[in-house]
C-alpha atoms as a PDB file:
ATOM      1  CA  MET A   1       8.311  68.112 -86.751  1.00  0.00           C
ATOM      2  CA  GLY A   2       7.271  65.035 -88.003  1.00  0.00           C
ATOM      3  CA  ARG A   3      11.086  63.031 -87.752  1.00  0.00           C
ATOM      4  CA  GLU A   4      11.031  64.676 -83.501  1.00  0.00           C
ATOM      5  CA  SER A   5       7.267  63.213 -83.455  1.00  0.00           C
ATOM      6  CA  TRP A   6       7.991  59.542 -84.579  1.00  0.00           C
ATOM      7  CA  GLY A   7      11.055  59.560 -82.590  1.00  0.00           C
ATOM      8  CA  THR A   8       8.930  60.626 -79.549  1.00  0.00           C
ATOM      9  CA  GLN A   9       6.512  57.618 -80.335  1.00  0.00           C
ATOM     10  CA  SER A  10       9.469  55.331 -81.011  1.00  0.00           C
ATOM     11  CA  ASP A  11      10.833  55.917 -77.658  1.00  0.00           C
ATOM     12  CA  ARG A  12       7.515  55.904 -75.862  1.00  0.00           C
ATOM     13  CA  ARG A  13       7.111  52.388 -77.451  1.00  0.00           C
ATOM     14  CA  ALA A  14      10.222  51.025 -76.327  1.00  0.00           C
ATOM     15  CA  LYS A  15       9.266  52.463 -72.910  1.00  0.00           C
ATOM     16  CA  VAL A  16       6.169  50.695 -72.480  1.00  0.00           C
ATOM     17  CA  LYS A  17       7.659  47.238 -74.026  1.00  0.00           C
ATOM     18  CA  THR A  18      10.632  47.387 -70.989  1.00  0.00           C
ATOM     19  CA  ASP A  19       7.804  48.176 -68.593  1.00  0.00           C
ATOM     20  CA  VAL A  20       6.115  44.902 -69.791  1.00  0.00           C
ATOM     21  CA  ARG A  21       9.150  42.823 -69.703  1.00  0.00           C
ATOM     22  CA  ARG A  22       9.669  44.132 -66.085  1.00  0.00           C
ATOM     23  CA  ILE A  23       6.435  43.348 -65.055  1.00  0.00           C
ATOM     24  CA  VAL A  24       6.311  39.979 -66.365  1.00  0.00           C
ATOM     25  CA  VAL A  25       9.627  38.874 -64.456  1.00  0.00           C
ATOM     26  CA  ALA A  26       8.472  40.463 -61.458  1.00  0.00           C
ATOM     27  CA  CYS A  27       5.277  38.331 -61.900  1.00  0.00           C
ATOM     28  CA  ALA A  28       7.138  35.664 -62.724  1.00  0.00           C
ATOM     29  CA  VAL A  29       9.159  35.950 -59.694  1.00  0.00           C
ATOM     30  CA  VAL A  30       6.421  36.252 -57.514  1.00  0.00           C
ATOM     31  CA  LEU A  31       4.579  32.836 -58.735  1.00  0.00           C
ATOM     32  CA  PHE A  32       7.859  31.325 -58.007  1.00  0.00           C
ATOM     33  CA  VAL A  33       7.903  32.096 -54.907  1.00  0.00           C
ATOM     34  CA  CYS A  34       4.230  31.283 -54.088  1.00  0.00           C
ATOM     35  CA  ALA A  35       4.668  27.525 -55.936  1.00  0.00           C
ATOM     36  CA  VAL A  36       7.883  27.289 -53.711  1.00  0.00           C
ATOM     37  CA  ALA A  37       7.657  28.928 -50.107  1.00  0.00           C
ATOM     38  CA  VAL A  38       3.847  29.299 -49.584  1.00  0.00           C
ATOM     39  CA  PRO A  39       2.906  25.604 -49.520  1.00  0.00           C
ATOM     40  CA  ARG A  40       6.435  24.873 -47.354  1.00  0.00           C
ATOM     41  CA  ALA A  41       4.979  27.724 -44.802  1.00  0.00           C
ATOM     42  CA  TRP A  42       1.618  26.136 -45.124  1.00  0.00           C
ATOM     43  CA  ALA A  43       2.838  22.474 -44.056  1.00  0.00           C
ATOM     44  CA  GLY A  44       4.338  24.355 -40.604  1.00  0.00           C
ATOM     45  CA  GLU A  45       1.821  26.612 -40.406  1.00  0.00           C
ATOM     46  CA  GLU A  46       0.055  26.581 -36.390  1.00  0.00           C
ATOM     47  CA  PRO A  47      -3.373  25.999 -36.504  1.00  0.00           C
ATOM     48  CA  ALA A  48      -5.458  28.841 -35.780  1.00  0.00           C
ATOM     49  CA  PRO A  49      -7.005  29.665 -32.252  1.00  0.00           C
ATOM     50  CA  GLU A  50      -9.662  28.885 -33.069  1.00  0.00           C
ATOM     51  CA  VAL A  51      -9.242  25.340 -35.097  1.00  0.00           C
ATOM     52  CA  GLU A  52      -7.089  25.015 -32.296  1.00  0.00           C
ATOM     53  CA  ALA A  53     -10.071  25.744 -29.171  1.00  0.00           C
ATOM     54  CA  LEU A  54     -11.717  22.564 -31.152  1.00  0.00           C
ATOM     55  CA  GLN A  55      -9.342  20.391 -30.823  1.00  0.00           C
ATOM     56  CA  PRO A  56     -10.208  17.874 -27.910  1.00  0.00           C
ATOM     57  CA  GLU A  57      -8.303  18.241 -24.403  1.00  0.00           C
ATOM     58  CA  GLU A  58      -5.588  15.579 -24.066  1.00  0.00           C
ATOM     59  CA  PRO A  59      -6.557  13.620 -20.874  1.00  0.00           C
ATOM     60  CA  LYS A  60      -4.775  14.844 -17.698  1.00  0.00           C
ATOM     61  CA  PRO A  61      -2.003  12.278 -16.338  1.00  0.00           C
ATOM     62  CA  HIS A  62      -2.493  10.583 -12.863  1.00  0.00           C
ATOM     63  CA  VAL A  63      -0.664  12.306  -9.628  1.00  0.00           C
ATOM     64  CA  ILE A  64       0.650   9.111  -8.992  1.00  0.00           C
ATOM     65  CA  SER A  65       1.445   6.034 -10.606  1.00  0.00           C
ATOM     66  CA  LEU A  66       2.610   2.481  -9.873  1.00  0.00           C
ATOM     67  CA  ASP A  67       6.323   2.371 -10.527  1.00  0.00           C
ATOM     68  CA  ASP A  68       7.383   4.185  -7.458  1.00  0.00           C
ATOM     69  CA  ASP A  69      10.731   2.741  -5.787  1.00  0.00           C
ATOM     70  CA  PHE A  70       9.813   3.077  -2.198  1.00  0.00           C
ATOM     71  CA  THR A  71       6.425   3.460   0.170  1.00  0.00           C
ATOM     72  CA  LEU A  72       5.890   4.002   3.752  1.00  0.00           C
ATOM     73  CA  GLN A  73       2.811   4.016   5.857  1.00  0.00           C
ATOM     74  CA  ILE A  74       2.775   5.045   9.231  1.00  0.00           C
ATOM     75  CA  GLY A  75      -0.622   4.983  10.816  1.00  0.00           C
ATOM     76  CA  ARG A  76      -2.940   4.351  13.797  1.00  0.00           C
ATOM     77  CA  TYR A  77      -4.553   1.293  14.078  1.00  0.00           C
ATOM     78  CA  LEU A  78      -7.645   0.909  16.069  1.00  0.00           C
ATOM     79  CA  PRO A  79      -8.113  -2.712  16.381  1.00  0.00           C
ATOM     80  CA  ALA A  80     -10.922  -4.828  18.648  1.00  0.00           C
ATOM     81  CA  PHE A  81      -8.692  -8.203  20.460  1.00  0.00           C
ATOM     82  CA  PHE A  82     -10.107 -11.671  20.688  1.00  0.00           C
ATOM     83  CA  THR A  83      -7.409 -13.650  22.665  1.00  0.00           C
ATOM     84  CA  GLU A  84      -7.801 -17.412  24.288  1.00  0.00           C
ATOM     85  CA  LEU A  85      -4.751 -18.875  25.734  1.00  0.00           C
ATOM     86  CA  ARG A  86      -3.975 -22.414  27.183  1.00  0.00           C
ATOM     87  CA  VAL A  87      -0.761 -23.257  28.897  1.00  0.00           C
ATOM     88  CA  ASP A  88      -0.246 -27.148  29.627  1.00  0.00           C
ATOM     89  CA  SER A  89       2.076 -28.941  31.936  1.00  0.00           C
ATOM     90  CA  ARG A  90       3.819 -32.074  31.013  1.00  0.00           C
ATOM     91  CA  GLU A  91       3.199 -33.128  35.141  1.00  0.00           C
ATOM     92  CA  LEU A  92      -0.654 -31.650  35.904  1.00  0.00           C
ATOM     93  CA  GLY A  93      -1.433 -32.310  32.336  1.00  0.00           C
ATOM     94  CA  GLU A  94      -3.800 -29.757  30.202  1.00  0.00           C
ATOM     95  CA  GLY A  95      -3.975 -26.199  31.211  1.00  0.00           C
ATOM     96  CA  THR A  96      -7.377 -24.216  31.284  1.00  0.00           C
ATOM     97  CA  GLU A  97      -8.345 -22.377  28.729  1.00  0.00           C
ATOM     98  CA  ILE A  98      -8.697 -18.541  29.093  1.00  0.00           C
ATOM     99  CA  ASN A  99     -10.316 -15.861  27.418  1.00  0.00           C
ATOM    100  CA  LEU A 100      -7.875 -12.675  28.313  1.00  0.00           C
ATOM    101  CA  GLU A 101     -10.107 -10.218  27.480  1.00  0.00           C
ATOM    102  CA  ASP A 102     -13.208 -11.290  29.186  1.00  0.00           C
ATOM    103  CA  GLN A 103     -11.544 -13.493  32.550  1.00  0.00           C
ATOM    104  CA  LEU A 104      -8.619 -11.477  32.825  1.00  0.00           C
ATOM    105  CA  GLY A 105     -10.272  -7.987  31.995  1.00  0.00           C
ATOM    106  CA  LEU A 106      -7.408  -6.884  28.980  1.00  0.00           C
ATOM    107  CA  ASP A 107      -9.040  -4.260  26.972  1.00  0.00           C
ATOM    108  CA  LYS A 108     -10.762  -5.682  24.118  1.00  0.00           C
ATOM    109  CA  ASP A 109     -10.158  -2.269  22.268  1.00  0.00           C
ATOM    110  CA  LEU A 110      -6.382  -0.432  22.002  1.00  0.00           C
ATOM    111  CA  GLY A 111      -5.212   1.998  19.647  1.00  0.00           C
ATOM    112  CA  ILE A 112      -1.775   1.033  18.389  1.00  0.00           C
ATOM    113  CA  TRP A 113       1.101   2.439  16.111  1.00  0.00           C
ATOM    114  CA  ARG A 114       1.307   0.496  12.735  1.00  0.00           C
ATOM    115  CA  ALA A 115       4.406   0.880  10.360  1.00  0.00           C
ATOM    116  CA  ASP A 116       4.308  -0.814   6.479  1.00  0.00           C
ATOM    117  CA  GLY A 117       6.212  -0.429   4.108  1.00  0.00           C
ATOM    118  CA  GLN A 118       7.675  -1.894   0.109  1.00  0.00           C
ATOM    119  CA  TRP A 119      10.113  -1.052  -2.036  1.00  0.00           C
ATOM    120  CA  ARG A 120      10.826  -2.153  -5.703  1.00  0.00           C
ATOM    121  CA  ILE A 121      13.531  -3.989  -6.656  1.00  0.00           C
ATOM    122  CA  GLY A 122      12.809  -4.527 -10.178  1.00  0.00           C
ATOM    123  CA  ARG A 123       9.832  -3.917 -12.450  1.00  0.00           C
ATOM    124  CA  LYS A 124       8.053  -6.905 -11.170  1.00  0.00           C
ATOM    125  CA  GLN A 125       9.179  -7.391  -8.297  1.00  0.00           C
ATOM    126  CA  ARG A 126       8.972  -5.996  -4.243  1.00  0.00           C
ATOM    127  CA  VAL A 127      10.162  -6.720  -1.311  1.00  0.00           C
ATOM    128  CA  GLY A 128       7.556  -5.629   1.980  1.00  0.00           C
ATOM    129  CA  PHE A 129       7.767  -5.167   5.809  1.00  0.00           C
ATOM    130  CA  SER A 130       4.742  -4.708   8.336  1.00  0.00           C
ATOM    131  CA  TYR A 131       5.619  -4.040  12.253  1.00  0.00           C
ATOM    132  CA  TYR A 132       3.838  -3.437  15.478  1.00  0.00           C
ATOM    133  CA  ARG A 133       3.616  -4.127  19.165  1.00  0.00           C
ATOM    134  CA  PHE A 134       1.559  -3.221  22.210  1.00  0.00           C
ATOM    135  CA  ASP A 135       1.295  -4.265  25.594  1.00  0.00           C
ATOM    136  CA  ARG A 136      -1.878  -5.026  27.690  1.00  0.00           C
ATOM    137  CA  ASP A 137      -2.686  -5.077  31.099  1.00  0.00           C
ATOM    138  CA  ALA A 138      -5.422  -5.616  33.776  1.00  0.00           C
ATOM    139  CA  SER A 139      -6.466  -6.927  36.982  1.00  0.00           C
ATOM    140  CA  ALA A 140      -9.228  -9.035  37.709  1.00  0.00           C
ATOM    141  CA  ILE A 141     -10.868 -11.634  40.215  1.00  0.00           C
ATOM    142  CA  LEU A 142     -10.787 -15.427  39.177  1.00  0.00           C
ATOM    143  CA  ASP A 143     -14.120 -16.808  38.876  1.00  0.00           C
ATOM    144  CA  GLU A 144     -12.910 -20.074  38.978  1.00  0.00           C
ATOM    145  CA  ASP A 145      -9.409 -22.441  39.416  1.00  0.00           C
ATOM    146  CA  THR A 146      -7.152 -21.688  36.751  1.00  0.00           C
ATOM    147  CA  GLN A 147      -4.041 -23.731  35.980  1.00  0.00           C
ATOM    148  CA  ILE A 148      -1.500 -21.668  34.303  1.00  0.00           C
ATOM    149  CA  GLY A 149       1.415 -24.305  33.346  1.00  0.00           C
ATOM    150  CA  GLU A 150       2.406 -25.616  36.523  1.00  0.00           C
ATOM    151  CA  THR A 151       0.699 -22.880  39.032  1.00  0.00           C
ATOM    152  CA  ILE A 152      -2.986 -23.425  39.630  1.00  0.00           C
ATOM    153  CA  PHE A 153      -4.651 -20.078  40.956  1.00  0.00           C
ATOM    154  CA  PRO A 154      -7.458 -20.505  43.172  1.00  0.00           C
ATOM    155  CA  ALA A 155     -10.850 -19.239  42.650  1.00  0.00           C
ATOM    156  CA  GLY A 156     -11.782 -15.547  44.376  1.00  0.00           C
ATOM    157  CA  ALA A 157      -7.622 -14.724  43.754  1.00  0.00           C
ATOM    158  CA  GLY A 158      -7.077 -11.439  42.556  1.00  0.00           C
ATOM    159  CA  VAL A 159      -4.742 -11.511  39.697  1.00  0.00           C
ATOM    160  CA  ALA A 160      -2.861  -9.045  37.650  1.00  0.00           C
ATOM    161  CA  SER A 161      -2.032 -10.020  34.104  1.00  0.00           C
ATOM    162  CA  ASP A 162       0.324  -8.543  31.155  1.00  0.00           C
ATOM    163  CA  LEU A 163       0.190  -9.340  27.786  1.00  0.00           C
ATOM    164  CA  GLU A 164       2.826  -8.474  25.126  1.00  0.00           C
ATOM    165  CA  VAL A 165       2.503  -9.091  21.278  1.00  0.00           C
ATOM    166  CA  THR A 166       5.242  -8.192  18.663  1.00  0.00           C
ATOM    167  CA  LEU A 167       4.783  -8.922  15.183  1.00  0.00           C
ATOM    168  CA  VAL A 168       7.028  -8.840  11.736  1.00  0.00           C
ATOM    169  CA  LEU A 169       6.200  -8.940   8.504  1.00  0.00           C
ATOM    170  CA  ALA A 170       8.753  -9.657   5.696  1.00  0.00           C
ATOM    171  CA  LYS A 171       7.439 -10.824   2.225  1.00  0.00           C
ATOM    172  CA  TYR A 172       8.570 -10.778  -1.220  1.00  0.00           C
ATOM    173  CA  LEU A 173       6.574  -9.818  -4.133  1.00  0.00           C
ATOM    174  CA  TYR A 174       6.048 -10.723  -8.019  1.00  0.00           C
ATOM    175  CA  SER A 175       3.680  -8.583 -10.557  1.00  0.00           C
ATOM    176  CA  PHE A 176       1.962 -11.271 -12.548  1.00  0.00           C
ATOM    177  CA  ARG A 177       0.064  -8.631 -14.565  1.00  0.00           C
ATOM    178  CA  GLN A 178       0.341  -5.404 -14.616  1.00  0.00           C
ATOM    179  CA  THR A 179      -1.292  -2.172 -16.796  1.00  0.00           C
ATOM    180  CA  ASP A 180      -0.588   1.132 -16.384  1.00  0.00           C
ATOM    181  CA  ARG A 181      -3.280   1.820 -13.798  1.00  0.00           C
ATOM    182  CA  THR A 182      -3.522  -2.302 -12.177  1.00  0.00           C
ATOM    183  CA  ASP A 183      -0.756  -4.052 -10.705  1.00  0.00           C
ATOM    184  CA  TYR A 184      -1.882  -7.789  -9.332  1.00  0.00           C
ATOM    185  CA  ALA A 185       1.060  -9.748  -7.319  1.00  0.00           C
ATOM    186  CA  ALA A 186       2.047 -13.278  -5.388  1.00  0.00           C
ATOM    187  CA  SER A 187       3.836 -13.163  -2.195  1.00  0.00           C
ATOM    188  CA  ILE A 188       5.544 -15.573  -0.506  1.00  0.00           C
ATOM    189  CA  GLY A 189       6.570 -14.448   3.004  1.00  0.00           C
ATOM    190  CA  VAL A 190       6.939 -15.044   7.015  1.00  0.00           C
ATOM    191  CA  HIS A 191       5.219 -13.493   9.674  1.00  0.00           C
ATOM    192  CA  HIS A 192       6.920 -13.714  13.028  1.00  0.00           C
ATOM    193  CA  LEU A 193       5.023 -13.575  15.819  1.00  0.00           C
ATOM    194  CA  GLU A 194       6.212 -13.016  19.592  1.00  0.00           C
ATOM    195  CA  THR A 195       3.427 -13.177  22.509  1.00  0.00           C
ATOM    196  CA  SER A 196       4.387 -13.217  26.317  1.00  0.00           C
ATOM    197  CA  VAL A 197       1.813 -13.231  28.974  1.00  0.00           C
ATOM    198  CA  SER A 198       2.319 -13.499  32.835  1.00  0.00           C
ATOM    199  CA  LEU A 199       0.340 -13.149  35.499  1.00  0.00           C
ATOM    200  CA  GLU A 200       0.680 -12.856  39.150  1.00  0.00           C
ATOM    201  CA  THR A 201      -1.434 -12.872  42.396  1.00  0.00           C
ATOM    202  CA  THR A 202      -2.418  -9.384  43.849  1.00  0.00           C
ATOM    203  CA  SER A 203      -4.602 -10.983  46.776  1.00  0.00           C
ATOM    204  CA  GLY A 204      -4.858 -14.592  48.214  1.00  0.00           C
ATOM    205  CA  PRO A 205      -1.426 -16.795  48.197  1.00  0.00           C
ATOM    206  CA  ASP A 206       1.341 -15.406  46.292  1.00  0.00           C
ATOM    207  CA  LEU A 207       1.899 -16.724  43.011  1.00  0.00           C
ATOM    208  CA  SER A 208       2.932 -16.121  39.633  1.00  0.00           C
ATOM    209  CA  ALA A 209       3.302 -17.760  36.273  1.00  0.00           C
ATOM    210  CA  SER A 210       4.649 -16.978  32.746  1.00  0.00           C
ATOM    211  CA  ALA A 211       4.285 -18.226  29.505  1.00  0.00           C
ATOM    212  CA  ALA A 212       5.900 -17.028  26.142  1.00  0.00           C
ATOM    213  CA  ALA A 213       5.475 -18.227  22.125  1.00  0.00           C
ATOM    214  CA  ASP A 214       7.926 -17.125  19.503  1.00  0.00           C
ATOM    215  CA  LEU A 215       6.287 -18.133  16.156  1.00  0.00           C
ATOM    216  CA  PRO A 216       7.508 -17.956  12.657  1.00  0.00           C
ATOM    217  CA  LEU A 217       4.957 -18.270  10.529  1.00  0.00           C
ATOM    218  CA  PRO A 218       5.132 -18.691   6.862  1.00  0.00           C
ATOM    219  CA  MET A 219       2.739 -17.690   4.557  1.00  0.00           C
ATOM    220  CA  ILE A 220       1.501 -17.162   0.887  1.00  0.00           C
ATOM    221  CA  GLY A 221      -0.621 -14.405  -0.620  1.00  0.00           C
ATOM    222  CA  LEU A 222      -2.315 -12.003  -3.353  1.00  0.00           C
ATOM    223  CA  GLU A 223      -2.157  -8.362  -3.760  1.00  0.00           C
ATOM    224  CA  ALA A 224      -4.026  -5.851  -5.862  1.00  0.00           C
ATOM    225  CA  VAL A 225      -3.477  -2.339  -6.775  1.00  0.00           C
ATOM    226  CA  HIS A 226      -5.463  -0.313  -8.768  1.00  0.00           C
ATOM    227  CA  LEU A 227      -5.098   3.298  -9.495  1.00  0.00           C
ATOM    228  CA  LEU A 228      -8.189   5.082  -8.940  1.00  0.00           C
ATOM    229  CA  GLY A 229      -9.007   8.641 -10.928  1.00  0.00           C
ATOM    230  CA  ARG A 230      -5.732  11.294 -10.860  1.00  0.00           C
ATOM    231  CA  ASN A 231      -5.552  11.135  -6.879  1.00  0.00           C
ATOM    232  CA  TRP A 232      -6.767   7.841  -5.543  1.00  0.00           C
ATOM    233  CA  ARG A 233      -4.722   4.062  -4.932  1.00  0.00           C
ATOM    234  CA  LEU A 234      -6.816   1.020  -3.859  1.00  0.00           C
ATOM    235  CA  ARG A 235      -4.865  -1.992  -2.072  1.00  0.00           C
ATOM    236  CA  GLY A 236      -6.259  -5.423  -1.279  1.00  0.00           C
ATOM    237  CA  ASP A 237      -3.915  -8.088   0.252  1.00  0.00           C
ATOM    238  CA  LEU A 238      -4.784 -11.560   1.516  1.00  0.00           C
ATOM    239  CA  GLU A 239      -2.515 -13.567   3.234  1.00  0.00           C
ATOM    240  CA  PHE A 240      -3.162 -17.443   4.780  1.00  0.00           C
ATOM    241  CA  LEU A 241      -1.105 -20.722   5.158  1.00  0.00           C
ATOM    242  CA  SER A 242      -1.955 -23.929   7.264  1.00  0.00           C
ATOM    243  CA  ILE A 243       0.659 -25.821   8.391  1.00  0.00           C
ATOM    244  CA  SER A 244       2.464 -28.378  10.625  1.00  0.00           C
ATOM    245  CA  LEU A 245       5.652 -27.974  11.057  1.00  0.00           C
ATOM    246  CA  GLY A 246       8.505 -29.424  13.493  1.00  0.00           C
ATOM    247  CA  ASP A 247       6.881 -28.498  17.250  1.00  0.00           C
ATOM    248  CA  TYR A 248       3.918 -26.611  16.343  1.00  0.00           C
ATOM    249  CA  SER A 249       0.916 -26.507  13.945  1.00  0.00           C
ATOM    250  CA  GLY A 250      -2.076 -24.274  13.148  1.00  0.00           C
ATOM    251  CA  PHE A 251      -3.299 -21.847  10.864  1.00  0.00           C
ATOM    252  CA  TRP A 252      -3.594 -18.034  10.180  1.00  0.00           C
ATOM    253  CA  ARG A 253      -4.447 -15.829   7.922  1.00  0.00           C
ATOM    254  CA  SER A 254      -4.546 -11.700   7.241  1.00  0.00           C
ATOM    255  CA  PHE A 255      -7.192  -9.207   5.204  1.00  0.00           C
ATOM    256  CA  ASP A 256      -6.494  -5.414   4.597  1.00  0.00           C
ATOM    257  CA  VAL A 257      -7.905  -3.373   2.476  1.00  0.00           C
ATOM    258  CA  SER A 258      -7.454   0.490   2.045  1.00  0.00           C
ATOM    259  CA  ALA A 259      -7.595   3.581   0.021  1.00  0.00           C
ATOM    260  CA  ALA A 260      -5.339   6.555  -0.095  1.00  0.00           C
ATOM    261  CA  TYR A 261      -5.752   9.690  -1.194  1.00  0.00           C
ATOM    262  CA  TYR A 262      -2.438  11.818  -2.660  1.00  0.00           C
ATOM    263  CA  PRO A 263      -3.224  15.927  -3.363  1.00  0.00           C
ATOM    264  CA  ASN A 264       0.662  15.218  -4.881  1.00  0.00           C
ATOM    265  CA  GLU A 265       2.807  12.676  -6.256  1.00  0.00           C
ATOM    266  CA  THR A 266       4.763  12.332  -2.947  1.00  0.00           C
ATOM    267  CA  TYR A 267       2.162  12.250   0.149  1.00  0.00           C
ATOM    268  CA  GLY A 268      -1.079  11.066   0.468  1.00  0.00           C
ATOM    269  CA  ILE A 269      -3.644  10.079   3.442  1.00  0.00           C
ATOM    270  CA  GLY A 270      -5.432   7.319   3.482  1.00  0.00           C
ATOM    271  CA  LEU A 271      -8.032   4.693   5.192  1.00  0.00           C
ATOM    272  CA  GLY A 272      -7.965   0.715   6.075  1.00  0.00           C
ATOM    273  CA  TYR A 273      -9.599  -2.000   7.435  1.00  0.00           C
ATOM    274  CA  SER A 274      -7.422  -4.850   8.456  1.00  0.00           C
ATOM    275  CA  ALA A 275      -8.224  -8.418  10.185  1.00  0.00           C
ATOM    276  CA  PHE A 276      -5.733 -10.993  11.404  1.00  0.00           C
ATOM    277  CA  VAL A 277      -6.014 -14.521  12.675  1.00  0.00           C
ATOM    278  CA  VAL A 278      -3.885 -17.232  14.119  1.00  0.00           C
ATOM    279  CA  ASP A 279      -4.843 -20.432  15.736  1.00  0.00           C
ATOM    280  CA  ALA A 280      -1.447 -22.152  17.040  1.00  0.00           C
ATOM    281  CA  ASP A 281      -0.451 -25.303  19.432  1.00  0.00           C
ATOM    282  CA  ALA A 282       3.065 -25.584  20.208  1.00  0.00           C
ATOM    283  CA  ASP A 283       5.131 -28.227  22.401  1.00  0.00           C
ATOM    284  CA  ARG A 284       8.294 -26.555  23.189  1.00  0.00           C
ATOM    285  CA  ASP A 285      10.128 -25.330  26.207  1.00  0.00           C
ATOM    286  CA  THR A 286       8.956 -21.921  26.559  1.00  0.00           C
ATOM    287  CA  LEU A 287       4.946 -22.594  25.505  1.00  0.00           C
ATOM    288  CA  LEU A 288       2.924 -26.045  25.808  1.00  0.00           C
ATOM    289  CA  GLY A 289      -0.284 -25.232  24.694  1.00  0.00           C
ATOM    290  CA  GLU A 290      -2.521 -23.520  22.307  1.00  0.00           C
ATOM    291  CA  ILE A 291      -3.045 -19.501  21.578  1.00  0.00           C
ATOM    292  CA  GLU A 292      -5.825 -18.465  19.661  1.00  0.00           C
ATOM    293  CA  TYR A 293      -5.069 -14.376  18.713  1.00  0.00           C
ATOM    294  CA  ARG A 294      -7.638 -12.482  16.415  1.00  0.00           C
ATOM    295  CA  TYR A 295      -7.944  -8.538  15.841  1.00  0.00           C
ATOM    296  CA  ARG A 296     -10.077  -6.467  13.096  1.00  0.00           C
ATOM    297  CA  GLY A 297     -10.781  -2.746  12.664  1.00  0.00           C
ATOM    298  CA  LEU A 298      -9.648   0.320  11.016  1.00  0.00           C
ATOM    299  CA  ARG A 299      -6.334   2.077  10.693  1.00  0.00           C
ATOM    300  CA  VAL A 300      -5.711   5.718   9.853  1.00  0.00           C
ATOM    301  CA  PHE A 301      -2.350   6.449   7.905  1.00  0.00           C
ATOM    302  CA  GLY A 302      -0.089   8.728   5.947  1.00  0.00           C
ATOM    303  CA  VAL A 303       2.161   7.505   2.974  1.00  0.00           C
ATOM    304  CA  ALA A 304       4.593   8.360   1.509  1.00  0.00           C
ATOM    305  CA  ARG A 305       6.557   7.517  -1.917  1.00  0.00           C
ATOM    306  CA  TRP A 306       9.259   8.100  -3.770  1.00  0.00           C
END
């Protein structure tokens, strides 16, 4: 009995020692895994939802940017006109200076279509264009004798008049300062102004006269574009020059400001204000005399960019 009891106790002690060794080994393995794996897992762990919610939100990007390759504006222009013209004669001398709106009855206000566009040819370089054309006609009774070139229309005669104007602008722009929200550029280019006027009597003696001016108007200018908020684009443009060149001389200036709203990155709508002045003297076969032409007014347009 004693030997059997001792053997049993010995077996139990051996078993206990074995179990202790297993527990120690298991604890060592667990500690090793914790020491190696846990820091790695902690380093790649995503922040808890409540911590992530406390992080400040990143600002939303602009719907539009300043790096578009091409922009096109087409809109309705609502200008008020002022036109004065004098057509001289080499034989009769200086002609009569007439105001086409007040004396000939041409509309002072007229809606016309206008197109404007720009194409980016480099990070800091663009080319731009503008185009519009209109045709105004009216009838009136002359208050005084009026000389148009070689023709003298007597006071009291009824006359029908027609004025056509086409303006094409081409220019090159270089951005001398750029940020992610603002672009300042200098420009150089030319306005090509074509103007023709004709008069013929509707009562009294049978008379008619016409004159035309085809004038290239070189210009220099400045342009600024600014992104406001996420959806707005503001633009200002100033062009001017005073010059005497060949057989004509004069000065001209144009000014344009606009604001466009873009609900998406491609299309927008806008409102602008434009003014243009040209006062030129010409000594040419087609026109000998002076023309002063001004307009200013609002324009509403749609714009596409890509």
